[in-house]
């Protein structure tokens, strides 16, 4: 059966980029951009089910991010911990099932505990499968022989850059790619809807040919 135009992507992956630049252009510390980015995460999660999205995978902290200044890394990890703690109840109420992918052995114990608690509390969610990639590297996951996630239909990258940055390389083999200059802290439900609408205008041939009328 030919697969061409689809109304909505079932699995969207997002590289949440531009937090630091967003803050710097406003004369704010980079940490302010990361905090604003956490608010954008909530907006994306709330908007996703109404757009027909069943699974949302967010690149929260890459394995390469360890190379950033120590103070910024610590800020990011603390923000991840507090966000997990503060948003778990909201996820349960809205039927969001949370899973964290990536290495855990290098994470602080408090963050590992917050991850485990959030995963347990949200395990019954059926409205949206939410995955957070923390200390994640696709090349490392492949080398470790980890099972792949479901295929990604649409990969979104905010912040103007146009590359995959070692994110879900296997799963994005046939993903539609959508790059936007919008920095992640400014990304909202309307921006997500625009990405979904663009997906709906694409033809997905999966290596085949579109049928031609004779």
N, C-alpha and C. Protein backbone atom coordinates (compact mmCIF):
# COMPACT_ATOMS: atom_id res chain seq x y z
N UNK A 1 0.85 -1.19 0.00
CA UNK A 1 0.00 0.00 0.00
C UNK A 1 0.89 1.24 0.00
N UNK A 2 0.59 2.20 -0.86
CA UNK A 2 1.38 3.41 -0.95
C UNK A 2 1.13 4.31 0.25
N UNK A 3 2.20 4.87 0.80
CA UNK A 3 2.08 5.82 1.90
C UNK A 3 2.51 7.18 1.38
N UNK A 4 1.60 8.13 1.35
CA UNK A 4 1.95 9.46 0.84
C UNK A 4 1.58 10.51 1.87
N UNK A 5 0.56 11.29 1.60
CA UNK A 5 0.20 12.37 2.50
C UNK A 5 -0.46 11.85 3.77
N UNK A 6 -0.05 12.39 4.90
CA UNK A 6 -0.64 12.05 6.18
C UNK A 6 -1.16 13.32 6.83
N UNK A 7 -2.23 13.19 7.60
CA UNK A 7 -2.80 14.36 8.23
C UNK A 7 -1.95 14.86 9.40
N UNK A 8 -1.43 13.93 10.18
CA UNK A 8 -0.69 14.34 11.37
C UNK A 8 0.40 13.32 11.66
N UNK A 9 1.54 13.78 12.13
CA UNK A 9 2.59 12.85 12.54
C UNK A 9 2.25 12.22 13.88
N UNK A 10 2.40 10.93 14.00
CA UNK A 10 2.12 10.26 15.27
C UNK A 10 3.25 10.45 16.27
N UNK A 11 4.48 10.49 15.76
CA UNK A 11 5.64 10.63 16.64
C UNK A 11 6.47 11.82 16.18
N UNK A 12 6.54 12.83 17.02
CA UNK A 12 7.37 14.01 16.75
C UNK A 12 8.55 14.02 17.72
N UNK A 13 9.71 14.32 17.18
CA UNK A 13 10.90 14.52 18.01
C UNK A 13 11.34 15.97 17.84
N UNK A 14 11.75 16.58 18.93
CA UNK A 14 12.12 18.00 18.89
C UNK A 14 13.50 18.21 19.51
N UNK A 15 14.37 18.86 18.75
CA UNK A 15 15.64 19.34 19.28
C UNK A 15 15.38 20.76 19.77
N UNK A 16 15.37 20.94 21.07
CA UNK A 16 14.97 22.21 21.68
C UNK A 16 16.19 23.12 21.76
N UNK A 17 16.41 23.91 20.72
CA UNK A 17 17.63 24.69 20.60
C UNK A 17 17.32 26.19 20.67
N UNK A 18 18.30 26.94 21.14
CA UNK A 18 18.19 28.40 21.11
C UNK A 18 17.94 29.05 22.45
N UNK A 19 17.94 28.27 23.54
CA UNK A 19 17.68 28.86 24.85
C UNK A 19 18.71 29.92 25.23
N UNK A 20 19.99 29.56 25.09
CA UNK A 20 21.04 30.49 25.48
C UNK A 20 21.05 31.75 24.64
N UNK A 21 20.91 31.58 23.32
CA UNK A 21 20.90 32.75 22.43
C UNK A 21 19.69 33.63 22.70
N UNK A 22 18.57 33.02 22.99
CA UNK A 22 17.34 33.76 23.33
C UNK A 22 17.61 34.67 24.53
N UNK A 23 18.28 34.13 25.54
CA UNK A 23 18.57 34.93 26.73
C UNK A 23 19.58 36.03 26.44
N UNK A 24 20.62 35.70 25.70
CA UNK A 24 21.69 36.67 25.45
C UNK A 24 21.20 37.86 24.64
N UNK A 25 20.29 37.63 23.70
CA UNK A 25 19.77 38.75 22.91
C UNK A 25 18.91 39.67 23.76
N UNK A 26 18.50 39.22 24.93
CA UNK A 26 17.70 40.04 25.84
C UNK A 26 18.52 40.56 27.01
N UNK A 27 19.82 40.36 26.94
CA UNK A 27 20.67 40.81 28.01
C UNK A 27 20.52 40.03 29.30
N UNK A 28 20.08 38.78 29.19
CA UNK A 28 19.84 37.93 30.34
C UNK A 28 20.89 36.82 30.41
N UNK A 29 21.10 36.23 31.57
CA UNK A 29 22.02 35.09 31.65
C UNK A 29 21.42 33.88 30.93
N UNK A 30 22.29 33.00 30.47
CA UNK A 30 21.83 31.82 29.74
C UNK A 30 20.86 30.99 30.58
N UNK A 31 21.03 31.00 31.89
CA UNK A 31 20.13 30.24 32.76
C UNK A 31 18.69 30.70 32.61
N UNK A 32 18.48 31.99 32.33
CA UNK A 32 17.11 32.49 32.13
C UNK A 32 16.50 31.87 30.88
N UNK A 33 17.31 31.66 29.86
CA UNK A 33 16.82 31.01 28.66
C UNK A 33 16.41 29.57 28.92
N UNK A 34 17.18 28.87 29.75
CA UNK A 34 16.84 27.48 30.05
C UNK A 34 15.54 27.41 30.87
N UNK A 35 15.35 28.35 31.76
CA UNK A 35 14.10 28.37 32.53
C UNK A 35 12.91 28.67 31.62
N UNK A 36 13.09 29.61 30.69
CA UNK A 36 12.02 29.90 29.74
C UNK A 36 11.76 28.70 28.85
N UNK A 37 12.81 27.96 28.53
CA UNK A 37 12.64 26.75 27.73
C UNK A 37 11.82 25.69 28.43
N UNK A 38 11.94 25.61 29.75
CA UNK A 38 11.13 24.65 30.51
C UNK A 38 9.64 24.97 30.39
N UNK A 39 9.31 26.25 30.35
CA UNK A 39 7.91 26.64 30.15
C UNK A 39 7.43 26.25 28.76
N UNK A 40 8.31 26.35 27.77
CA UNK A 40 7.95 25.95 26.41
C UNK A 40 7.69 24.45 26.33
N UNK A 41 8.40 23.67 27.13
CA UNK A 41 8.16 22.22 27.16
C UNK A 41 6.72 21.96 27.57
N UNK A 42 6.27 22.64 28.61
CA UNK A 42 4.89 22.45 29.06
C UNK A 42 3.89 22.79 27.95
N UNK A 43 4.14 23.89 27.23
CA UNK A 43 3.23 24.27 26.15
C UNK A 43 3.17 23.20 25.07
N UNK A 44 4.31 22.64 24.71
CA UNK A 44 4.34 21.61 23.68
C UNK A 44 3.59 20.36 24.13
N UNK A 45 3.78 19.97 25.36
CA UNK A 45 3.10 18.78 25.89
C UNK A 45 1.59 18.98 25.89
N UNK A 46 1.16 20.16 26.29
CA UNK A 46 -0.28 20.43 26.35
C UNK A 46 -0.91 20.50 24.97
N UNK A 47 -0.16 20.98 23.97
CA UNK A 47 -0.71 21.14 22.62
C UNK A 47 -0.70 19.85 21.82
N UNK A 48 0.22 18.95 22.12
CA UNK A 48 0.44 17.78 21.26
C UNK A 48 -0.80 16.91 21.03
N UNK A 49 -1.53 16.47 22.07
CA UNK A 49 -2.65 15.56 21.82
C UNK A 49 -3.72 16.14 20.90
N UNK A 50 -3.99 17.43 21.01
CA UNK A 50 -5.03 18.03 20.16
C UNK A 50 -4.61 18.10 18.70
N UNK A 51 -3.32 17.92 18.41
CA UNK A 51 -2.82 17.93 17.04
C UNK A 51 -2.66 16.52 16.49
N UNK A 52 -3.13 15.52 17.22
CA UNK A 52 -3.05 14.14 16.75
C UNK A 52 -1.73 13.46 17.04
N UNK A 53 -0.90 14.08 17.87
CA UNK A 53 0.41 13.53 18.20
C UNK A 53 0.26 12.54 19.34
N UNK A 54 0.75 11.31 19.13
CA UNK A 54 0.65 10.28 20.16
C UNK A 54 1.93 10.15 20.97
N UNK A 55 3.06 10.53 20.38
CA UNK A 55 4.35 10.40 21.06
C UNK A 55 5.20 11.62 20.78
N UNK A 56 5.85 12.12 21.82
CA UNK A 56 6.68 13.32 21.72
C UNK A 56 8.01 13.04 22.42
N UNK A 57 9.10 13.15 21.66
CA UNK A 57 10.42 12.91 22.23
C UNK A 57 11.22 14.21 22.18
N UNK A 58 11.69 14.65 23.33
CA UNK A 58 12.35 15.94 23.45
C UNK A 58 13.81 15.75 23.84
N UNK A 59 14.70 16.45 23.12
CA UNK A 59 16.13 16.38 23.40
C UNK A 59 16.45 17.40 24.48
N UNK A 60 16.53 16.92 25.71
CA UNK A 60 16.69 17.82 26.85
C UNK A 60 18.15 18.07 27.23
N UNK A 61 19.00 17.04 27.10
CA UNK A 61 20.40 17.16 27.51
C UNK A 61 21.19 16.11 26.75
N UNK A 62 22.03 16.56 25.84
CA UNK A 62 22.81 15.61 25.04
C UNK A 62 24.07 15.21 25.78
N UNK A 63 24.66 14.09 25.38
CA UNK A 63 25.92 13.66 25.99
C UNK A 63 27.02 14.70 25.75
N UNK A 64 26.92 15.42 24.64
CA UNK A 64 27.91 16.47 24.36
C UNK A 64 27.76 17.68 25.29
N UNK A 65 26.59 17.82 25.90
CA UNK A 65 26.38 18.98 26.77
C UNK A 65 27.25 18.95 28.02
N UNK A 66 27.83 17.81 28.35
CA UNK A 66 28.76 17.76 29.48
C UNK A 66 29.96 18.67 29.26
N UNK A 67 30.23 19.00 27.99
CA UNK A 67 31.38 19.84 27.67
C UNK A 67 31.13 21.32 27.91
N UNK A 68 29.91 21.69 28.26
CA UNK A 68 29.62 23.09 28.55
C UNK A 68 30.22 23.49 29.90
N UNK A 69 30.28 24.79 30.18
CA UNK A 69 30.82 25.22 31.48
C UNK A 69 30.11 24.53 32.64
N UNK A 70 30.86 24.19 33.66
CA UNK A 70 30.33 23.42 34.79
C UNK A 70 29.10 24.08 35.41
N UNK A 71 29.13 25.39 35.55
CA UNK A 71 28.00 26.08 36.17
C UNK A 71 26.73 25.92 35.34
N UNK A 72 26.86 25.98 34.01
CA UNK A 72 25.68 25.83 33.15
C UNK A 72 25.16 24.40 33.20
N UNK A 73 26.07 23.42 33.22
CA UNK A 73 25.64 22.02 33.33
C UNK A 73 24.86 21.80 34.62
N UNK A 74 25.37 22.32 35.72
CA UNK A 74 24.69 22.15 37.00
C UNK A 74 23.32 22.81 36.99
N UNK A 75 23.23 23.97 36.35
CA UNK A 75 21.93 24.65 36.23
C UNK A 75 20.96 23.80 35.44
N UNK A 76 21.40 23.25 34.34
CA UNK A 76 20.54 22.41 33.51
C UNK A 76 20.05 21.18 34.28
N UNK A 77 20.95 20.52 34.98
CA UNK A 77 20.58 19.32 35.71
C UNK A 77 19.62 19.63 36.85
N UNK A 78 19.86 20.74 37.55
CA UNK A 78 18.92 21.14 38.61
C UNK A 78 17.55 21.46 38.03
N UNK A 79 17.53 22.14 36.88
CA UNK A 79 16.27 22.49 36.25
C UNK A 79 15.51 21.24 35.82
N UNK A 80 16.23 20.25 35.30
CA UNK A 80 15.58 19.00 34.93
C UNK A 80 14.96 18.33 36.15
N UNK A 81 15.68 18.32 37.26
CA UNK A 81 15.18 17.69 38.47
C UNK A 81 13.93 18.39 38.99
N UNK A 82 13.99 19.71 39.08
CA UNK A 82 12.83 20.44 39.61
C UNK A 82 11.64 20.37 38.66
N UNK A 83 11.90 20.37 37.36
CA UNK A 83 10.80 20.27 36.39
C UNK A 83 10.11 18.92 36.49
N UNK A 84 10.88 17.86 36.62
CA UNK A 84 10.28 16.54 36.80
C UNK A 84 9.42 16.50 38.05
N UNK A 85 9.94 17.03 39.12
CA UNK A 85 9.19 17.03 40.39
C UNK A 85 7.92 17.86 40.28
N UNK A 86 8.02 19.04 39.67
CA UNK A 86 6.89 19.96 39.64
C UNK A 86 5.82 19.57 38.62
N UNK A 87 6.22 18.88 37.55
CA UNK A 87 5.28 18.59 36.47
C UNK A 87 4.67 17.20 36.53
N UNK A 88 5.11 16.36 37.45
CA UNK A 88 4.61 14.99 37.48
C UNK A 88 3.10 14.93 37.71
N UNK A 89 2.62 15.70 38.67
CA UNK A 89 1.17 15.68 38.95
C UNK A 89 0.38 16.12 37.73
N UNK A 90 0.85 17.15 37.04
CA UNK A 90 0.18 17.63 35.84
C UNK A 90 0.16 16.54 34.76
N UNK A 91 1.27 15.83 34.64
CA UNK A 91 1.33 14.74 33.65
C UNK A 91 0.32 13.65 33.98
N UNK A 92 0.23 13.28 35.25
CA UNK A 92 -0.73 12.25 35.66
C UNK A 92 -2.15 12.70 35.34
N UNK A 93 -2.48 13.94 35.67
CA UNK A 93 -3.83 14.46 35.43
C UNK A 93 -4.19 14.48 33.95
N UNK A 94 -3.19 14.66 33.10
CA UNK A 94 -3.46 14.77 31.66
C UNK A 94 -3.13 13.50 30.88
N UNK A 95 -2.88 12.42 31.58
CA UNK A 95 -2.66 11.14 30.91
C UNK A 95 -1.36 11.05 30.14
N UNK A 96 -0.34 11.75 30.60
CA UNK A 96 0.97 11.74 29.95
C UNK A 96 1.85 10.69 30.60
N UNK A 97 2.35 9.77 29.80
CA UNK A 97 3.27 8.74 30.30
C UNK A 97 4.70 9.18 29.99
N UNK A 98 5.51 9.30 31.02
CA UNK A 98 6.87 9.80 30.86
C UNK A 98 7.89 8.67 30.88
N UNK A 99 8.83 8.75 29.96
CA UNK A 99 9.97 7.83 29.94
C UNK A 99 11.22 8.66 29.64
N UNK A 100 12.30 8.38 30.33
CA UNK A 100 13.57 9.05 30.07
C UNK A 100 14.49 8.08 29.36
N UNK A 101 15.10 8.54 28.26
CA UNK A 101 16.04 7.73 27.52
C UNK A 101 17.43 8.35 27.64
N UNK A 102 18.46 7.53 27.48
CA UNK A 102 19.82 8.00 27.63
C UNK A 102 20.50 7.35 28.83
N UNK A 103 21.75 7.67 29.04
CA UNK A 103 22.50 7.12 30.16
C UNK A 103 22.04 7.75 31.48
N UNK A 104 22.05 6.92 32.52
CA UNK A 104 21.70 7.44 33.84
C UNK A 104 22.87 7.36 34.81
N UNK A 105 23.88 6.58 34.47
CA UNK A 105 24.97 6.35 35.41
C UNK A 105 25.79 7.59 35.69
N UNK A 106 25.74 8.59 34.79
CA UNK A 106 26.53 9.81 35.01
C UNK A 106 25.69 10.94 35.62
N UNK A 107 24.41 10.69 35.83
CA UNK A 107 23.53 11.72 36.38
C UNK A 107 23.63 11.77 37.90
N UNK A 108 23.40 12.95 38.50
CA UNK A 108 23.36 13.03 39.96
C UNK A 108 22.29 12.13 40.54
N UNK A 109 22.53 11.61 41.73
CA UNK A 109 21.59 10.69 42.36
C UNK A 109 20.20 11.31 42.51
N UNK A 110 20.15 12.59 42.87
CA UNK A 110 18.85 13.24 43.07
C UNK A 110 18.06 13.29 41.76
N UNK A 111 18.74 13.51 40.64
CA UNK A 111 18.05 13.52 39.36
C UNK A 111 17.58 12.12 38.99
N UNK A 112 18.41 11.12 39.24
CA UNK A 112 18.00 9.74 38.95
C UNK A 112 16.77 9.37 39.76
N UNK A 113 16.74 9.79 41.00
CA UNK A 113 15.57 9.49 41.85
C UNK A 113 14.33 10.20 41.32
N UNK A 114 14.48 11.45 40.89
CA UNK A 114 13.34 12.18 40.34
C UNK A 114 12.82 11.53 39.06
N UNK A 115 13.73 11.04 38.23
CA UNK A 115 13.33 10.35 37.00
C UNK A 115 12.52 9.10 37.34
N UNK A 116 13.06 8.29 38.24
CA UNK A 116 12.38 7.05 38.60
C UNK A 116 11.00 7.31 39.20
N UNK A 117 10.90 8.32 40.04
CA UNK A 117 9.61 8.64 40.67
C UNK A 117 8.60 9.11 39.62
N UNK A 118 9.04 9.95 38.68
CA UNK A 118 8.14 10.44 37.64
C UNK A 118 7.68 9.32 36.72
N UNK A 119 8.59 8.42 36.38
CA UNK A 119 8.22 7.30 35.51
C UNK A 119 7.20 6.40 36.19
N UNK A 120 7.40 6.13 37.48
CA UNK A 120 6.43 5.29 38.21
C UNK A 120 5.07 5.96 38.28
N UNK A 121 5.06 7.23 38.62
CA UNK A 121 3.79 7.93 38.82
C UNK A 121 2.98 8.06 37.54
N UNK A 122 3.65 8.16 36.40
CA UNK A 122 2.95 8.41 35.14
C UNK A 122 2.77 7.16 34.29
N UNK A 123 3.10 6.01 34.83
CA UNK A 123 3.12 4.78 34.02
C UNK A 123 1.76 4.41 33.43
N UNK A 124 0.68 4.92 34.02
CA UNK A 124 -0.65 4.60 33.51
C UNK A 124 -1.15 5.55 32.44
N UNK A 125 -0.36 6.54 32.05
CA UNK A 125 -0.82 7.52 31.07
C UNK A 125 -1.07 6.91 29.71
N UNK A 126 -2.14 7.33 29.05
CA UNK A 126 -2.51 6.79 27.75
C UNK A 126 -2.75 7.87 26.69
N UNK A 127 -2.71 9.13 27.08
CA UNK A 127 -2.99 10.21 26.13
C UNK A 127 -1.77 10.56 25.29
N UNK A 128 -0.59 10.59 25.91
CA UNK A 128 0.63 10.98 25.21
C UNK A 128 1.81 10.24 25.80
N UNK A 129 2.64 9.66 24.93
CA UNK A 129 3.92 9.09 25.36
C UNK A 129 4.97 10.18 25.24
N UNK A 130 5.48 10.61 26.37
CA UNK A 130 6.49 11.67 26.41
C UNK A 130 7.83 11.06 26.77
N UNK A 131 8.82 11.30 25.93
CA UNK A 131 10.17 10.82 26.22
C UNK A 131 11.10 12.02 26.33
N UNK A 132 11.88 12.04 27.38
CA UNK A 132 12.92 13.04 27.54
C UNK A 132 14.26 12.37 27.33
N UNK A 133 15.05 12.90 26.42
CA UNK A 133 16.39 12.38 26.17
C UNK A 133 17.37 13.16 27.04
N UNK A 134 17.95 12.47 28.03
CA UNK A 134 18.87 13.09 28.98
C UNK A 134 20.17 12.30 28.97
N UNK A 135 21.29 13.00 28.83
CA UNK A 135 22.59 12.37 28.61
C UNK A 135 22.45 11.34 27.48
N UNK A 136 21.92 11.81 26.37
CA UNK A 136 21.59 10.93 25.24
C UNK A 136 22.54 11.18 24.07
N UNK A 137 22.96 10.09 23.45
CA UNK A 137 23.72 10.11 22.21
C UNK A 137 23.22 8.96 21.35
N UNK A 138 22.76 9.25 20.15
CA UNK A 138 22.28 8.18 19.27
C UNK A 138 23.39 7.22 18.91
N UNK A 139 24.59 7.74 18.65
CA UNK A 139 25.71 6.86 18.30
C UNK A 139 26.06 5.93 19.46
N UNK A 140 25.99 6.45 20.67
CA UNK A 140 26.26 5.62 21.84
C UNK A 140 25.17 4.56 22.00
N UNK A 141 23.91 4.94 21.78
CA UNK A 141 22.82 3.98 21.90
C UNK A 141 22.97 2.85 20.88
N UNK A 142 23.40 3.18 19.67
CA UNK A 142 23.61 2.16 18.64
C UNK A 142 24.77 1.25 19.04
N UNK A 143 25.86 1.84 19.52
CA UNK A 143 27.02 1.06 19.91
C UNK A 143 26.70 0.11 21.07
N UNK A 144 25.82 0.54 21.95
CA UNK A 144 25.44 -0.29 23.09
C UNK A 144 24.40 -1.35 22.73
N UNK A 145 23.91 -1.32 21.50
CA UNK A 145 22.91 -2.29 21.06
C UNK A 145 21.55 -2.07 21.68
N UNK A 146 21.25 -0.84 22.04
CA UNK A 146 19.95 -0.55 22.65
C UNK A 146 18.84 -0.65 21.61
N UNK A 147 17.69 -1.09 22.06
CA UNK A 147 16.55 -1.24 21.15
C UNK A 147 16.11 0.14 20.67
N UNK A 148 15.83 0.28 19.37
CA UNK A 148 15.39 1.59 18.87
C UNK A 148 13.99 1.93 19.35
N UNK A 149 13.70 3.20 19.36
CA UNK A 149 12.35 3.68 19.64
C UNK A 149 11.50 3.54 18.39
N UNK A 150 10.19 3.76 18.49
CA UNK A 150 9.38 3.81 17.27
C UNK A 150 9.89 4.88 16.31
N UNK A 151 9.69 4.63 15.02
CA UNK A 151 10.15 5.57 14.01
C UNK A 151 9.58 6.97 14.24
N UNK A 152 10.39 7.97 13.98
CA UNK A 152 9.96 9.36 14.08
C UNK A 152 9.34 9.78 12.75
N UNK A 153 8.17 10.39 12.80
CA UNK A 153 7.52 10.91 11.59
C UNK A 153 8.03 12.30 11.24
N UNK A 154 8.20 13.13 12.25
CA UNK A 154 8.59 14.52 12.03
C UNK A 154 9.62 14.93 13.06
N UNK A 155 10.78 15.40 12.59
CA UNK A 155 11.80 15.95 13.47
C UNK A 155 11.77 17.47 13.35
N UNK A 156 11.62 18.15 14.46
CA UNK A 156 11.60 19.60 14.52
C UNK A 156 12.86 20.07 15.24
N UNK A 157 13.54 21.06 14.65
CA UNK A 157 14.65 21.71 15.36
C UNK A 157 14.40 23.20 15.39
N UNK A 158 14.41 23.76 16.57
CA UNK A 158 14.24 25.20 16.74
C UNK A 158 15.60 25.88 16.75
N UNK A 159 15.61 27.21 16.74
CA UNK A 159 16.83 27.97 16.92
C UNK A 159 17.63 28.26 15.67
N UNK A 160 17.18 27.77 14.51
CA UNK A 160 17.82 28.13 13.26
C UNK A 160 18.89 27.18 12.74
N UNK A 161 19.42 26.30 13.58
CA UNK A 161 20.43 25.35 13.11
C UNK A 161 19.76 24.22 12.32
N UNK A 162 20.51 23.61 11.41
CA UNK A 162 19.94 22.58 10.55
C UNK A 162 20.83 21.34 10.55
N UNK A 163 20.77 20.61 11.64
CA UNK A 163 21.50 19.35 11.77
C UNK A 163 20.83 18.50 12.84
N UNK A 164 21.18 17.20 12.86
CA UNK A 164 20.54 16.26 13.79
C UNK A 164 21.23 16.20 15.14
N UNK A 165 22.50 16.56 15.20
CA UNK A 165 23.23 16.62 16.47
C UNK A 165 23.13 15.32 17.28
N UNK A 166 23.31 14.19 16.60
CA UNK A 166 23.39 12.90 17.28
C UNK A 166 22.10 12.54 18.01
N UNK A 167 20.97 12.88 17.42
CA UNK A 167 19.66 12.63 18.04
C UNK A 167 18.85 11.65 17.20
N UNK A 168 18.52 10.49 17.77
CA UNK A 168 17.61 9.52 17.15
C UNK A 168 17.98 9.23 15.69
N UNK A 169 19.23 8.89 15.45
CA UNK A 169 19.69 8.72 14.08
C UNK A 169 18.98 7.56 13.37
N UNK A 170 18.80 6.43 14.05
CA UNK A 170 18.08 5.31 13.43
C UNK A 170 16.60 5.66 13.24
N UNK A 171 16.02 6.22 14.28
CA UNK A 171 14.58 6.45 14.28
C UNK A 171 14.17 7.53 13.27
N UNK A 172 15.12 8.39 12.89
CA UNK A 172 14.82 9.48 11.95
C UNK A 172 15.20 9.14 10.51
N UNK A 173 15.39 7.86 10.22
CA UNK A 173 15.83 7.46 8.88
C UNK A 173 14.90 7.98 7.79
N UNK A 174 13.60 7.98 8.05
CA UNK A 174 12.63 8.48 7.07
C UNK A 174 11.78 9.61 7.63
N UNK A 175 12.27 10.26 8.64
CA UNK A 175 11.52 11.38 9.23
C UNK A 175 11.53 12.58 8.29
N UNK A 176 10.45 13.31 8.30
CA UNK A 176 10.44 14.62 7.66
C UNK A 176 11.15 15.59 8.59
N UNK A 177 11.97 16.47 8.02
CA UNK A 177 12.75 17.40 8.82
C UNK A 177 12.16 18.81 8.70
N UNK A 178 12.04 19.47 9.82
CA UNK A 178 11.44 20.81 9.86
C UNK A 178 12.32 21.69 10.73
N UNK A 179 12.94 22.68 10.12
CA UNK A 179 13.83 23.60 10.84
C UNK A 179 13.17 24.98 10.90
N UNK A 180 13.22 25.57 12.07
CA UNK A 180 12.61 26.89 12.25
C UNK A 180 13.58 27.81 12.98
N UNK A 181 13.64 29.09 12.61
CA UNK A 181 14.50 30.03 13.33
C UNK A 181 13.96 30.39 14.71
N UNK A 182 12.73 30.03 14.99
CA UNK A 182 12.13 30.33 16.29
C UNK A 182 12.95 29.68 17.41
N UNK A 183 13.41 30.46 18.36
CA UNK A 183 14.13 29.90 19.51
C UNK A 183 13.16 29.11 20.38
N UNK A 184 13.67 28.09 21.04
CA UNK A 184 12.79 27.21 21.80
C UNK A 184 11.94 27.95 22.84
N UNK A 185 12.44 28.93 23.58
CA UNK A 185 11.57 29.59 24.56
C UNK A 185 10.35 30.27 23.94
N UNK A 186 10.40 30.60 22.64
CA UNK A 186 9.27 31.24 21.97
C UNK A 186 8.35 30.23 21.29
N UNK A 187 8.72 28.98 21.31
CA UNK A 187 7.93 27.94 20.64
C UNK A 187 6.67 27.66 21.45
N UNK A 188 5.53 27.67 20.78
CA UNK A 188 4.26 27.46 21.48
C UNK A 188 3.36 26.54 20.67
N UNK A 189 2.10 26.43 21.08
CA UNK A 189 1.17 25.55 20.40
C UNK A 189 0.96 25.92 18.95
N UNK A 190 0.95 27.20 18.64
CA UNK A 190 0.80 27.64 17.26
C UNK A 190 1.99 27.23 16.41
N UNK A 191 3.18 27.34 16.98
CA UNK A 191 4.38 26.93 16.26
C UNK A 191 4.39 25.43 16.01
N UNK A 192 3.94 24.67 17.00
CA UNK A 192 3.85 23.22 16.81
C UNK A 192 2.81 22.88 15.76
N UNK A 193 1.69 23.59 15.77
CA UNK A 193 0.65 23.36 14.76
C UNK A 193 1.17 23.68 13.36
N UNK A 194 2.01 24.71 13.23
CA UNK A 194 2.58 25.05 11.92
C UNK A 194 3.48 23.93 11.42
N UNK A 195 4.25 23.33 12.32
CA UNK A 195 5.11 22.21 11.93
C UNK A 195 4.27 21.02 11.48
N UNK A 196 3.20 20.74 12.19
CA UNK A 196 2.31 19.64 11.82
C UNK A 196 1.65 19.92 10.47
N UNK A 197 1.25 21.15 10.24
CA UNK A 197 0.63 21.51 8.96
C UNK A 197 1.60 21.33 7.80
N UNK A 198 2.86 21.70 8.02
CA UNK A 198 3.87 21.49 6.99
C UNK A 198 4.07 20.01 6.71
N UNK A 199 4.07 19.21 7.75
CA UNK A 199 4.17 17.76 7.58
C UNK A 199 3.04 17.24 6.69
N UNK A 200 1.84 17.77 6.90
CA UNK A 200 0.69 17.33 6.12
C UNK A 200 0.79 17.67 4.64
N UNK A 201 1.65 18.63 4.30
CA UNK A 201 1.82 19.00 2.89
C UNK A 201 2.94 18.20 2.21
N UNK A 202 3.67 17.41 2.98
CA UNK A 202 4.77 16.65 2.41
C UNK A 202 4.28 15.34 1.82
N UNK A 203 5.02 14.82 0.85
CA UNK A 203 4.79 13.47 0.34
C UNK A 203 5.86 12.56 0.88
N UNK A 204 5.45 11.47 1.50
CA UNK A 204 6.39 10.51 2.08
C UNK A 204 6.36 9.24 1.22
N UNK A 205 7.44 8.99 0.51
CA UNK A 205 7.47 7.87 -0.44
C UNK A 205 8.24 6.66 0.11
N UNK A 206 9.04 6.85 1.16
CA UNK A 206 9.79 5.76 1.76
C UNK A 206 10.60 4.97 0.74
N UNK A 207 11.22 5.69 -0.18
CA UNK A 207 12.06 5.06 -1.20
C UNK A 207 11.32 4.60 -2.42
N UNK A 208 9.99 4.71 -2.43
CA UNK A 208 9.19 4.28 -3.58
C UNK A 208 8.87 5.42 -4.49
N UNK A 209 7.88 5.21 -5.35
CA UNK A 209 7.45 6.22 -6.30
C UNK A 209 5.99 6.52 -6.10
N UNK A 210 5.61 7.76 -6.33
CA UNK A 210 4.20 8.14 -6.31
C UNK A 210 3.50 7.54 -7.50
N UNK A 211 2.33 6.97 -7.27
CA UNK A 211 1.58 6.39 -8.37
C UNK A 211 1.26 7.44 -9.42
N UNK A 212 1.43 7.10 -10.69
CA UNK A 212 1.14 8.01 -11.80
C UNK A 212 -0.06 7.49 -12.56
N UNK A 213 -1.06 8.35 -12.75
CA UNK A 213 -2.25 7.93 -13.49
C UNK A 213 -1.90 7.61 -14.92
N UNK A 214 -2.43 6.53 -15.45
CA UNK A 214 -2.13 6.14 -16.84
C UNK A 214 -3.09 6.87 -17.79
